[in-house]
Amino acid sequence: MSDKQRKTGLGTNAFFHPPTQPEAPPTEEETLLEPEAPAPAARRPAKKARQLPPQSERVKTTINLPSETLALLDALKINARRNRRKATYSDILDEAIRDLARKRGIKASEP
């Protein structure tokens, strides 16, 4: 037989090796004492959360758009993300609808 250690067919022994020294059972004194709590990791101070204006309740809806309009919506989303602004379809459509209503002189009705 060769003197090389076997590298294949070891099963779990290939990854998990048995402990080299057996652990001694804890003494009575060790079991009566409370274990020491690990020191908390040093944390960076939390950033102050940005105060967002209160938003009205959102309602989920479905719309049908021409493919050209959807392509424009995607382009607006990409542009907003490049400018590091929040960019969801809902946000873009909300802004666009409010701008169109303002342009046409339509005011939102209060619930």
Protein backbone atom coordinates (compact mmCIF):
# COMPACT_ATOMS: atom_id res chain seq x y z
CA MET A 1 0.00 0.00 0.00
CA SER A 2 1.08 3.57 -0.48
CA ASP A 3 1.94 6.01 2.30
CA LYS A 4 -0.30 8.75 0.87
CA GLN A 5 -3.43 9.76 2.72
CA ARG A 6 -6.61 8.89 0.98
CA LYS A 7 -8.35 11.97 -0.53
CA THR A 8 -11.49 10.43 -2.04
CA GLY A 9 -14.29 8.37 -0.60
CA LEU A 10 -13.96 9.86 2.86
CA GLY A 11 -17.63 10.88 3.17
CA THR A 12 -18.20 13.47 5.90
CA ASN A 13 -14.68 12.91 7.19
CA ALA A 14 -13.47 14.83 4.16
CA PHE A 15 -15.02 17.97 5.63
CA PHE A 16 -15.48 17.33 9.35
CA HIS A 17 -12.56 16.10 11.37
CA PRO A 18 -13.05 14.55 14.81
CA PRO A 19 -11.87 16.71 17.74
CA THR A 20 -8.24 16.17 18.65
CA GLN A 21 -8.76 16.42 22.42
CA PRO A 22 -11.86 15.30 24.26
CA GLU A 23 -13.58 18.08 26.19
CA ALA A 24 -13.53 17.80 29.94
CA PRO A 25 -16.99 17.94 31.53
CA PRO A 26 -17.64 21.26 33.31
CA THR A 27 -16.97 21.28 37.00
CA GLU A 28 -19.72 21.97 39.52
CA GLU A 29 -18.33 25.44 40.10
CA GLU A 30 -18.46 26.26 36.37
CA THR A 31 -22.06 25.08 36.06
CA LEU A 32 -23.20 27.26 39.00
CA LEU A 33 -21.63 30.42 37.59
CA GLU A 34 -23.44 32.28 34.86
CA PRO A 35 -21.59 32.29 31.56
CA GLU A 36 -19.99 35.57 30.67
CA ALA A 37 -21.87 37.52 28.07
CA PRO A 38 -19.77 38.40 25.05
CA ALA A 39 -18.85 42.05 24.76
CA PRO A 40 -21.18 43.88 22.38
CA ALA A 41 -19.62 44.73 19.06
CA ALA A 42 -18.79 48.37 18.54
CA ARG A 43 -21.47 49.94 16.41
CA ARG A 44 -21.40 53.03 14.32
CA PRO A 45 -23.85 55.69 15.41
CA ALA A 46 -27.15 55.28 13.61
CA LYS A 47 -27.91 57.73 10.85
CA LYS A 48 -30.88 59.97 11.43
CA ALA A 49 -33.82 58.75 9.43
CA ARG A 50 -35.10 61.12 6.82
CA GLN A 51 -38.54 62.43 7.70
CA LEU A 52 -40.83 61.65 4.81
CA PRO A 53 -44.04 63.60 4.28
CA PRO A 54 -47.17 61.63 5.18
CA GLN A 55 -48.54 59.80 2.18
CA SER A 56 -52.09 58.94 1.38
CA GLU A 57 -53.08 55.32 1.26
CA ARG A 58 -51.92 53.56 -1.88
CA VAL A 59 -54.33 51.55 -3.99
CA LYS A 60 -53.16 48.84 -6.34
CA THR A 61 -54.44 49.04 -9.91
CA THR A 62 -53.67 47.64 -13.34
CA ILE A 63 -53.15 49.71 -16.49
CA ASN A 64 -52.54 48.91 -20.14
CA LEU A 65 -49.86 50.91 -21.93
CA PRO A 66 -48.55 50.87 -25.49
CA SER A 67 -45.07 49.38 -25.76
CA GLU A 68 -43.60 52.78 -26.68
CA THR A 69 -45.03 54.35 -23.51
CA LEU A 70 -43.70 51.48 -21.42
CA ALA A 71 -40.27 52.00 -22.98
CA LEU A 72 -40.45 55.68 -22.01
CA LEU A 73 -41.46 54.70 -18.48
CA ASP A 74 -38.42 52.43 -18.25
CA ALA A 75 -36.19 55.23 -19.56
CA LEU A 76 -37.58 57.60 -16.90
CA LYS A 77 -36.91 55.00 -14.23
CA ILE A 78 -33.31 54.51 -15.38
CA ASN A 79 -32.76 58.26 -15.56
CA ALA A 80 -34.08 58.76 -12.03
CA ARG A 81 -31.87 56.00 -10.68
CA ARG A 82 -28.82 57.54 -12.34
CA ASN A 83 -29.66 60.79 -10.56
CA ARG A 84 -29.93 58.85 -7.28
CA ARG A 85 -33.64 59.49 -6.88
CA LYS A 86 -36.26 57.00 -5.82
CA ALA A 87 -37.49 55.37 -8.98
CA THR A 88 -40.50 53.09 -9.00
CA TYR A 89 -43.16 53.00 -11.65
CA SER A 90 -45.65 54.24 -9.05
CA ASP A 91 -43.51 57.27 -8.18
CA ILE A 92 -42.93 58.18 -11.82
CA LEU A 93 -46.61 57.82 -12.73
CA ASP A 94 -47.67 59.78 -9.64
CA GLU A 95 -45.39 62.68 -10.57
CA ALA A 96 -46.47 62.60 -14.23
CA ILE A 97 -50.19 62.53 -13.41
CA ARG A 98 -49.86 65.37 -10.89
CA ASP A 99 -47.90 67.47 -13.43
CA LEU A 100 -50.53 66.80 -16.12
CA ALA A 101 -53.36 67.72 -13.75
CA ARG A 102 -51.56 70.94 -12.76
CA LYS A 103 -50.98 71.77 -16.45
CA ARG A 104 -54.67 71.27 -17.22
CA GLY A 105 -55.83 73.15 -14.13
CA ILE A 106 -57.40 70.16 -12.40
CA LYS A 107 -57.27 70.05 -8.61
CA ALA A 108 -57.42 66.82 -6.65
CA SER A 109 -60.64 66.23 -4.77
CA GLU A 110 -60.32 65.85 -1.01
CA PRO A 111 -61.72 62.58 0.37
